[in-house]
PDB file of all heavy atoms in Angstrom:
ATOM      1  N   GLN A   1       4.625  -1.979  15.778  1.00  0.00           N
ATOM      2  CA  GLN A   1       3.734  -1.513  14.722  1.00  0.00           C
ATOM      3  C   GLN A   1       4.453  -0.789  13.593  1.00  0.00           C
ATOM      4  O   GLN A   1       3.870  -0.531  12.545  1.00  0.00           O
ATOM      5  CB  GLN A   1       2.649  -0.620  15.331  1.00  0.00           C
ATOM      6  CG  GLN A   1       1.666  -1.435  16.164  1.00  0.00           C
ATOM      7  CD  GLN A   1       0.884  -0.576  17.130  1.00  0.00           C
ATOM      8  OE1 GLN A   1       1.374   0.431  17.624  1.00  0.00           O
ATOM      9  NE2 GLN A   1      -0.343  -0.973  17.403  1.00  0.00           N
ATOM     10  N   ARG A   2       5.718  -0.472  13.790  1.00  0.00           N
ATOM     11  CA  ARG A   2       6.507   0.106  12.705  1.00  0.00           C
ATOM     12  C   ARG A   2       7.132  -0.977  11.822  1.00  0.00           C
ATOM     13  O   ARG A   2       7.820  -0.656  10.848  1.00  0.00           O
ATOM     14  CB  ARG A   2       7.609   1.015  13.256  1.00  0.00           C
ATOM     15  CG  ARG A   2       7.100   2.286  13.897  1.00  0.00           C
ATOM     16  CD  ARG A   2       8.236   3.226  14.248  1.00  0.00           C
ATOM     17  NE  ARG A   2       7.717   4.426  14.891  1.00  0.00           N
ATOM     18  CZ  ARG A   2       7.233   5.480  14.245  1.00  0.00           C
ATOM     19  NH1 ARG A   2       7.222   5.494  12.927  1.00  0.00           N
ATOM     20  NH2 ARG A   2       6.768   6.523  14.895  1.00  0.00           N
ATOM     21  N   CYS A   3       6.902  -2.217  12.171  1.00  0.00           N
ATOM     22  CA  CYS A   3       7.594  -3.313  11.502  1.00  0.00           C
ATOM     23  C   CYS A   3       6.616  -4.253  10.815  1.00  0.00           C
ATOM     24  O   CYS A   3       5.408  -4.184  11.001  1.00  0.00           O
ATOM     25  CB  CYS A   3       8.420  -4.096  12.522  1.00  0.00           C
ATOM     26  SG  CYS A   3       9.488  -3.054  13.532  1.00  0.00           S
ATOM     27  N   HIS A   4       7.182  -5.148  10.012  1.00  0.00           N
ATOM     28  CA  HIS A   4       6.405  -6.220   9.394  1.00  0.00           C
ATOM     29  C   HIS A   4       5.177  -5.650   8.674  1.00  0.00           C
ATOM     30  O   HIS A   4       5.254  -4.605   8.051  1.00  0.00           O
ATOM     31  CB  HIS A   4       6.060  -7.281  10.441  1.00  0.00           C
ATOM     32  CG  HIS A   4       7.271  -7.727  11.204  1.00  0.00           C
ATOM     33  ND1 HIS A   4       8.356  -8.307  10.591  1.00  0.00           N
ATOM     34  CD2 HIS A   4       7.585  -7.630  12.514  1.00  0.00           C
ATOM     35  CE1 HIS A   4       9.289  -8.569  11.499  1.00  0.00           C
ATOM     36  NE2 HIS A   4       8.849  -8.157  12.660  1.00  0.00           N
ATOM     37  N   TYR A   5       4.027  -6.254   8.773  1.00  0.00           N
ATOM     38  CA  TYR A   5       2.893  -5.851   7.940  1.00  0.00           C
ATOM     39  C   TYR A   5       2.407  -4.429   8.212  1.00  0.00           C
ATOM     40  O   TYR A   5       2.050  -3.693   7.287  1.00  0.00           O
ATOM     41  CB  TYR A   5       1.730  -6.835   8.147  1.00  0.00           C
ATOM     42  CG  TYR A   5       0.558  -6.554   7.244  1.00  0.00           C
ATOM     43  CD1 TYR A   5       0.526  -7.023   5.933  1.00  0.00           C
ATOM     44  CD2 TYR A   5      -0.522  -5.790   7.693  1.00  0.00           C
ATOM     45  CE1 TYR A   5      -0.545  -6.747   5.091  1.00  0.00           C
ATOM     46  CE2 TYR A   5      -1.593  -5.515   6.864  1.00  0.00           C
ATOM     47  CZ  TYR A   5      -1.597  -5.996   5.560  1.00  0.00           C
ATOM     48  OH  TYR A   5      -2.660  -5.711   4.739  1.00  0.00           O
ATOM     49  N   THR A   6       2.379  -4.027   9.478  1.00  0.00           N
ATOM     50  CA  THR A   6       1.741  -2.757   9.817  1.00  0.00           C
ATOM     51  C   THR A   6       2.573  -1.525   9.471  1.00  0.00           C
ATOM     52  O   THR A   6       2.090  -0.398   9.627  1.00  0.00           O
ATOM     53  CB  THR A   6       1.369  -2.722  11.312  1.00  0.00           C
ATOM     54  OG1 THR A   6       2.491  -3.138  12.085  1.00  0.00           O
ATOM     55  CG2 THR A   6       0.196  -3.648  11.585  1.00  0.00           C
ATOM     56  N   PHE A   7       3.792  -1.701   8.984  1.00  0.00           N
ATOM     57  CA  PHE A   7       4.554  -0.532   8.522  1.00  0.00           C
ATOM     58  C   PHE A   7       3.770   0.222   7.448  1.00  0.00           C
ATOM     59  O   PHE A   7       3.918   1.431   7.277  1.00  0.00           O
ATOM     60  CB  PHE A   7       5.915  -0.951   7.958  1.00  0.00           C
ATOM     61  CG  PHE A   7       5.835  -1.594   6.584  1.00  0.00           C
ATOM     62  CD1 PHE A   7       5.790  -0.822   5.438  1.00  0.00           C
ATOM     63  CD2 PHE A   7       5.801  -2.973   6.451  1.00  0.00           C
ATOM     64  CE1 PHE A   7       5.700  -1.408   4.177  1.00  0.00           C
ATOM     65  CE2 PHE A   7       5.714  -3.566   5.204  1.00  0.00           C
ATOM     66  CZ  PHE A   7       5.664  -2.778   4.061  1.00  0.00           C
ATOM     67  N   ARG A   8       2.917  -0.494   6.709  1.00  0.00           N
ATOM     68  CA  ARG A   8       2.248   0.115   5.559  1.00  0.00           C
ATOM     69  C   ARG A   8       1.176   1.126   5.964  1.00  0.00           C
ATOM     70  O   ARG A   8       0.634   1.829   5.108  1.00  0.00           O
ATOM     71  CB  ARG A   8       1.646  -0.959   4.662  1.00  0.00           C
ATOM     72  CG  ARG A   8       0.477  -1.698   5.208  1.00  0.00           C
ATOM     73  CD  ARG A   8      -0.013  -2.737   4.191  1.00  0.00           C
ATOM     74  NE  ARG A   8       0.952  -3.797   3.940  1.00  0.00           N
ATOM     75  CZ  ARG A   8       1.716  -3.868   2.853  1.00  0.00           C
ATOM     76  NH1 ARG A   8       1.641  -2.933   1.929  1.00  0.00           N
ATOM     77  NH2 ARG A   8       2.568  -4.856   2.698  1.00  0.00           N
ATOM     78  N   PHE A   9       0.866   1.235   7.260  1.00  0.00           N
ATOM     79  CA  PHE A   9      -0.123   2.212   7.697  1.00  0.00           C
ATOM     80  C   PHE A   9       0.528   3.458   8.306  1.00  0.00           C
ATOM     81  O   PHE A   9      -0.134   4.249   8.978  1.00  0.00           O
ATOM     82  CB  PHE A   9      -1.087   1.571   8.689  1.00  0.00           C
ATOM     83  CG  PHE A   9      -1.814   0.388   8.092  1.00  0.00           C
ATOM     84  CD1 PHE A   9      -1.616  -0.886   8.588  1.00  0.00           C
ATOM     85  CD2 PHE A   9      -2.659   0.553   7.009  1.00  0.00           C
ATOM     86  CE1 PHE A   9      -2.259  -1.977   8.029  1.00  0.00           C
ATOM     87  CE2 PHE A   9      -3.309  -0.524   6.438  1.00  0.00           C
ATOM     88  CZ  PHE A   9      -3.110  -1.798   6.950  1.00  0.00           C
ATOM     89  N   ILE A  10       1.826   3.631   8.054  1.00  0.00           N
ATOM     90  CA  ILE A  10       2.569   4.802   8.521  1.00  0.00           C
ATOM     91  C   ILE A  10       3.193   5.469   7.299  1.00  0.00           C
ATOM     92  O   ILE A  10       3.934   4.834   6.550  1.00  0.00           O
ATOM     93  CB  ILE A  10       3.647   4.401   9.541  1.00  0.00           C
ATOM     94  CG1 ILE A  10       2.990   3.696  10.740  1.00  0.00           C
ATOM     95  CG2 ILE A  10       4.448   5.616  10.004  1.00  0.00           C
ATOM     96  CD1 ILE A  10       3.984   3.094  11.708  1.00  0.00           C
ATOM     97  N   ARG A  11       2.917   6.739   7.080  1.00  0.00           N
ATOM     98  CA  ARG A  11       3.295   7.400   5.833  1.00  0.00           C
ATOM     99  C   ARG A  11       4.799   7.513   5.637  1.00  0.00           C
ATOM    100  O   ARG A  11       5.255   7.708   4.508  1.00  0.00           O
ATOM    101  CB  ARG A  11       2.647   8.787   5.735  1.00  0.00           C
ATOM    102  CG  ARG A  11       1.136   8.728   5.506  1.00  0.00           C
ATOM    103  CD  ARG A  11       0.623   9.999   4.819  1.00  0.00           C
ATOM    104  NE  ARG A  11       0.905  11.203   5.576  1.00  0.00           N
ATOM    105  CZ  ARG A  11       0.078  11.725   6.469  1.00  0.00           C
ATOM    106  NH1 ARG A  11      -1.076  11.139   6.742  1.00  0.00           N
ATOM    107  NH2 ARG A  11       0.386  12.832   7.096  1.00  0.00           N
ATOM    108  N   ASP A  12       5.582   7.421   6.691  1.00  0.00           N
ATOM    109  CA  ASP A  12       7.032   7.431   6.520  1.00  0.00           C
ATOM    110  C   ASP A  12       7.504   6.224   5.712  1.00  0.00           C
ATOM    111  O   ASP A  12       8.582   6.262   5.113  1.00  0.00           O
ATOM    112  CB  ASP A  12       7.749   7.403   7.879  1.00  0.00           C
ATOM    113  CG  ASP A  12       7.663   8.732   8.597  1.00  0.00           C
ATOM    114  OD1 ASP A  12       7.408   9.759   7.934  1.00  0.00           O
ATOM    115  OD2 ASP A  12       7.860   8.744   9.830  1.00  0.00           O
ATOM    116  N   TYR A  13       6.696   5.158   5.711  1.00  0.00           N
ATOM    117  CA  TYR A  13       7.131   3.908   5.100  1.00  0.00           C
ATOM    118  C   TYR A  13       6.254   3.453   3.942  1.00  0.00           C
ATOM    119  O   TYR A  13       6.699   2.656   3.100  1.00  0.00           O
ATOM    120  CB  TYR A  13       7.155   2.786   6.148  1.00  0.00           C
ATOM    121  CG  TYR A  13       7.714   3.203   7.478  1.00  0.00           C
ATOM    122  CD1 TYR A  13       6.970   3.048   8.645  1.00  0.00           C
ATOM    123  CD2 TYR A  13       8.987   3.780   7.577  1.00  0.00           C
ATOM    124  CE1 TYR A  13       7.480   3.447   9.878  1.00  0.00           C
ATOM    125  CE2 TYR A  13       9.499   4.180   8.800  1.00  0.00           C
ATOM    126  CZ  TYR A  13       8.732   4.010   9.950  1.00  0.00           C
ATOM    127  OH  TYR A  13       9.229   4.407  11.156  1.00  0.00           O
ATOM    128  N   SER A  14       5.013   3.900   3.877  1.00  0.00           N
ATOM    129  CA  SER A  14       4.098   3.375   2.869  1.00  0.00           C
ATOM    130  C   SER A  14       2.894   4.305   2.709  1.00  0.00           C
ATOM    131  O   SER A  14       2.812   5.342   3.370  1.00  0.00           O
ATOM    132  CB  SER A  14       3.635   1.965   3.275  1.00  0.00           C
ATOM    133  OG  SER A  14       2.870   1.365   2.260  1.00  0.00           O
ATOM    134  N   GLY A  15       1.955   3.911   1.841  1.00  0.00           N
ATOM    135  CA  GLY A  15       0.792   4.741   1.572  1.00  0.00           C
ATOM    136  C   GLY A  15      -0.517   4.093   1.945  1.00  0.00           C
ATOM    137  O   GLY A  15      -1.566   4.468   1.417  1.00  0.00           O
ATOM    138  N   GLY A  16      -0.485   3.106   2.849  1.00  0.00           N
ATOM    139  CA  GLY A  16      -1.713   2.458   3.279  1.00  0.00           C
ATOM    140  C   GLY A  16      -2.295   1.564   2.192  1.00  0.00           C
ATOM    141  O   GLY A  16      -1.605   1.100   1.292  1.00  0.00           O
ATOM    142  N   GLN A  17      -3.598   1.329   2.268  1.00  0.00           N
ATOM    143  CA  GLN A  17      -4.236   0.442   1.302  1.00  0.00           C
ATOM    144  C   GLN A  17      -4.285   1.044  -0.103  1.00  0.00           C
ATOM    145  O   GLN A  17      -4.432   0.311  -1.086  1.00  0.00           O
ATOM    146  CB  GLN A  17      -5.663   0.102   1.758  1.00  0.00           C
ATOM    147  CG  GLN A  17      -5.747  -0.661   3.072  1.00  0.00           C
ATOM    148  CD  GLN A  17      -5.184  -2.068   2.974  1.00  0.00           C
ATOM    149  OE1 GLN A  17      -4.132  -2.307   2.378  1.00  0.00           O
ATOM    150  NE2 GLN A  17      -5.897  -3.023   3.574  1.00  0.00           N
ATOM    151  N   THR A  18      -4.133   2.366  -0.216  1.00  0.00           N
ATOM    152  CA  THR A  18      -4.125   2.986  -1.540  1.00  0.00           C
ATOM    153  C   THR A  18      -2.961   2.470  -2.368  1.00  0.00           C
ATOM    154  O   THR A  18      -3.096   2.209  -3.565  1.00  0.00           O
ATOM    155  CB  THR A  18      -4.042   4.519  -1.432  1.00  0.00           C
ATOM    156  OG1 THR A  18      -5.083   4.977  -0.566  1.00  0.00           O
ATOM    157  CG2 THR A  18      -4.186   5.174  -2.791  1.00  0.00           C
ATOM    158  N   THR A  19      -1.799   2.318  -1.747  1.00  0.00           N
ATOM    159  CA  THR A  19      -0.648   1.790  -2.483  1.00  0.00           C
ATOM    160  C   THR A  19      -0.499   0.284  -2.317  1.00  0.00           C
ATOM    161  O   THR A  19       0.182  -0.351  -3.122  1.00  0.00           O
ATOM    162  CB  THR A  19       0.649   2.487  -2.031  1.00  0.00           C
ATOM    163  OG1 THR A  19       0.787   2.382  -0.606  1.00  0.00           O
ATOM    164  CG2 THR A  19       0.636   3.951  -2.418  1.00  0.00           C
ATOM    165  N   ASN A  20      -1.127  -0.281  -1.299  1.00  0.00           N
ATOM    166  CA  ASN A  20      -1.062  -1.733  -1.100  1.00  0.00           C
ATOM    167  C   ASN A  20      -1.978  -2.427  -2.101  1.00  0.00           C
ATOM    168  O   ASN A  20      -1.528  -3.020  -3.082  1.00  0.00           O
ATOM    169  CB  ASN A  20      -1.457  -2.068   0.339  1.00  0.00           C
ATOM    170  CG  ASN A  20      -1.387  -3.559   0.620  1.00  0.00           C
ATOM    171  OD1 ASN A  20      -0.597  -4.286   0.010  1.00  0.00           O
ATOM    172  ND2 ASN A  20      -2.207  -4.034   1.540  1.00  0.00           N
ATOM    173  N   TRP A  21      -3.290  -2.350  -1.915  1.00  0.00           N
ATOM    174  CA  TRP A  21      -4.238  -2.954  -2.841  1.00  0.00           C
ATOM    175  C   TRP A  21      -4.421  -2.110  -4.106  1.00  0.00           C
ATOM    176  O   TRP A  21      -4.709  -2.638  -5.185  1.00  0.00           O
ATOM    177  CB  TRP A  21      -5.577  -3.182  -2.158  1.00  0.00           C
ATOM    178  CG  TRP A  21      -5.566  -4.402  -1.304  1.00  0.00           C
ATOM    179  CD1 TRP A  21      -5.456  -4.457   0.054  1.00  0.00           C
ATOM    180  CD2 TRP A  21      -5.644  -5.765  -1.760  1.00  0.00           C
ATOM    181  NE1 TRP A  21      -5.461  -5.771   0.476  1.00  0.00           N
ATOM    182  CE2 TRP A  21      -5.579  -6.585  -0.620  1.00  0.00           C
ATOM    183  CE3 TRP A  21      -5.756  -6.348  -3.012  1.00  0.00           C
ATOM    184  CZ2 TRP A  21      -5.627  -7.963  -0.696  1.00  0.00           C
ATOM    185  CZ3 TRP A  21      -5.799  -7.733  -3.101  1.00  0.00           C
ATOM    186  CH2 TRP A  21      -5.732  -8.530  -1.950  1.00  0.00           C
ATOM    187  N   GLY A  22      -4.246  -0.811  -3.981  1.00  0.00           N
ATOM    188  CA  GLY A  22      -4.376   0.029  -5.166  1.00  0.00           C
ATOM    189  C   GLY A  22      -3.365  -0.316  -6.237  1.00  0.00           C
ATOM    190  O   GLY A  22      -3.663  -0.243  -7.443  1.00  0.00           O
ATOM    191  N   ALA A  23      -2.164  -0.701  -5.827  1.00  0.00           N
ATOM    192  CA  ALA A  23      -1.147  -1.102  -6.803  1.00  0.00           C
ATOM    193  C   ALA A  23      -1.611  -2.290  -7.624  1.00  0.00           C
ATOM    194  O   ALA A  23      -1.167  -2.478  -8.762  1.00  0.00           O
ATOM    195  CB  ALA A  23       0.156  -1.434  -6.086  1.00  0.00           C
ATOM    196  N   HIS A  24      -2.499  -3.113  -7.068  1.00  0.00           N
ATOM    197  CA  HIS A  24      -3.040  -4.254  -7.812  1.00  0.00           C
ATOM    198  C   HIS A  24      -4.200  -3.845  -8.718  1.00  0.00           C
ATOM    199  O   HIS A  24      -4.174  -4.065  -9.938  1.00  0.00           O
ATOM    200  CB  HIS A  24      -3.517  -5.332  -6.837  1.00  0.00           C
ATOM    201  CG  HIS A  24      -2.412  -6.094  -6.183  1.00  0.00           C
ATOM    202  ND1 HIS A  24      -1.473  -6.807  -6.897  1.00  0.00           N
ATOM    203  CD2 HIS A  24      -2.098  -6.268  -4.869  1.00  0.00           C
ATOM    204  CE1 HIS A  24      -0.630  -7.388  -6.058  1.00  0.00           C
ATOM    205  NE2 HIS A  24      -0.986  -7.069  -4.825  1.00  0.00           N
ATOM    206  N   TYR A  25      -5.234  -3.265  -8.125  1.00  0.00           N
ATOM    207  CA  TYR A  25      -6.461  -3.054  -8.891  1.00  0.00           C
ATOM    208  C   TYR A  25      -6.414  -1.834  -9.799  1.00  0.00           C
ATOM    209  O   TYR A  25      -7.070  -1.804 -10.848  1.00  0.00           O
ATOM    210  CB  TYR A  25      -7.668  -3.023  -7.951  1.00  0.00           C
ATOM    211  CG  TYR A  25      -7.998  -4.404  -7.460  1.00  0.00           C
ATOM    212  CD1 TYR A  25      -7.771  -4.787  -6.144  1.00  0.00           C
ATOM    213  CD2 TYR A  25      -8.504  -5.354  -8.347  1.00  0.00           C
ATOM    214  CE1 TYR A  25      -8.051  -6.084  -5.716  1.00  0.00           C
ATOM    215  CE2 TYR A  25      -8.782  -6.644  -7.924  1.00  0.00           C
ATOM    216  CZ  TYR A  25      -8.557  -7.002  -6.619  1.00  0.00           C
ATOM    217  OH  TYR A  25      -8.823  -8.292  -6.203  1.00  0.00           O
ATOM    218  N   LEU A  26      -5.645  -0.815  -9.451  1.00  0.00           N
ATOM    219  CA  LEU A  26      -5.416   0.284 -10.383  1.00  0.00           C
ATOM    220  C   LEU A  26      -4.547  -0.193 -11.547  1.00  0.00           C
ATOM    221  O   LEU A  26      -4.702   0.270 -12.685  1.00  0.00           O
ATOM    222  CB  LEU A  26      -4.773   1.468  -9.667  1.00  0.00           C
ATOM    223  CG  LEU A  26      -5.678   2.205  -8.677  1.00  0.00           C
ATOM    224  CD1 LEU A  26      -4.870   3.176  -7.823  1.00  0.00           C
ATOM    225  CD2 LEU A  26      -6.797   2.940  -9.407  1.00  0.00           C
ATOM    226  N   ASP A  27      -3.658  -1.130 -11.274  1.00  0.00           N
ATOM    227  CA  ASP A  27      -2.835  -1.701 -12.338  1.00  0.00           C
ATOM    228  C   ASP A  27      -3.698  -2.454 -13.349  1.00  0.00           C
ATOM    229  O   ASP A  27      -3.472  -2.378 -14.559  1.00  0.00           O
ATOM    230  CB  ASP A  27      -1.796  -2.637 -11.742  1.00  0.00           C
ATOM    231  CG  ASP A  27      -1.001  -3.376 -12.812  1.00  0.00           C
ATOM    232  OD1 ASP A  27      -0.356  -2.702 -13.632  1.00  0.00           O
ATOM    233  OD2 ASP A  27      -1.048  -4.627 -12.850  1.00  0.00           O
ATOM    234  N   ILE A  28      -4.701  -3.197 -12.864  1.00  0.00           N
ATOM    235  CA  ILE A  28      -5.593  -3.904 -13.779  1.00  0.00           C
ATOM    236  C   ILE A  28      -6.378  -2.911 -14.633  1.00  0.00           C
ATOM    237  O   ILE A  28      -6.619  -3.140 -15.828  1.00  0.00           O
ATOM    238  CB  ILE A  28      -6.541  -4.824 -12.994  1.00  0.00           C
ATOM    239  CG1 ILE A  28      -5.739  -5.909 -12.255  1.00  0.00           C
ATOM    240  CG2 ILE A  28      -7.581  -5.452 -13.918  1.00  0.00           C
ATOM    241  CD1 ILE A  28      -4.831  -6.735 -13.166  1.00  0.00           C
ATOM    242  N   ALA A  29      -6.746  -1.778 -14.054  1.00  0.00           N
ATOM    243  CA  ALA A  29      -7.411  -0.736 -14.828  1.00  0.00           C
ATOM    244  C   ALA A  29      -6.490  -0.229 -15.937  1.00  0.00           C
ATOM    245  O   ALA A  29      -6.903  -0.082 -17.099  1.00  0.00           O
ATOM    246  CB  ALA A  29      -7.840   0.416 -13.926  1.00  0.00           C
ATOM    247  N   GLN A  30      -5.238   0.021 -15.603  1.00  0.00           N
ATOM    248  CA  GLN A  30      -4.263   0.467 -16.601  1.00  0.00           C
ATOM    249  C   GLN A  30      -4.128  -0.566 -17.723  1.00  0.00           C
ATOM    250  O   GLN A  30      -4.062  -0.237 -18.906  1.00  0.00           O
ATOM    251  CB  GLN A  30      -2.899   0.678 -15.937  1.00  0.00           C
ATOM    252  CG  GLN A  30      -2.779   1.930 -15.089  1.00  0.00           C
ATOM    253  CD  GLN A  30      -2.623   3.174 -15.936  1.00  0.00           C
ATOM    254  OE1 GLN A  30      -3.513   4.021 -15.975  1.00  0.00           O
ATOM    255  NE2 GLN A  30      -1.510   3.291 -16.645  1.00  0.00           N
ATOM    256  N   TRP A  31      -4.076  -1.832 -17.327  1.00  0.00           N
ATOM    257  CA  TRP A  31      -3.904  -2.923 -18.287  1.00  0.00           C
ATOM    258  C   TRP A  31      -5.097  -3.007 -19.232  1.00  0.00           C
ATOM    259  O   TRP A  31      -4.960  -3.079 -20.451  1.00  0.00           O
ATOM    260  CB  TRP A  31      -3.727  -4.229 -17.508  1.00  0.00           C
ATOM    261  CG  TRP A  31      -3.168  -5.367 -18.306  1.00  0.00           C
ATOM    262  CD1 TRP A  31      -2.535  -5.304 -19.519  1.00  0.00           C
ATOM    263  CD2 TRP A  31      -3.173  -6.748 -17.914  1.00  0.00           C
ATOM    264  NE1 TRP A  31      -2.151  -6.565 -19.908  1.00  0.00           N
ATOM    265  CE2 TRP A  31      -2.525  -7.455 -18.957  1.00  0.00           C
ATOM    266  CE3 TRP A  31      -3.663  -7.432 -16.812  1.00  0.00           C
ATOM    267  CZ2 TRP A  31      -2.360  -8.843 -18.903  1.00  0.00           C
ATOM    268  CZ3 TRP A  31      -3.478  -8.806 -16.755  1.00  0.00           C
ATOM    269  CH2 TRP A  31      -2.837  -9.509 -17.786  1.00  0.00           C
TER     270      TRP A  31
END
C-alpha cells in the first residue's frame, strides 16, 4: 500500500485526492 497507486493516500508521499484530482480541476479554475 506504500507503492504504486495507493502511495497517494499517505501524507509522506502525496496529498490524497486534493492534490490528485485537485491538481486537475483547481487548475481549470485558475485557467
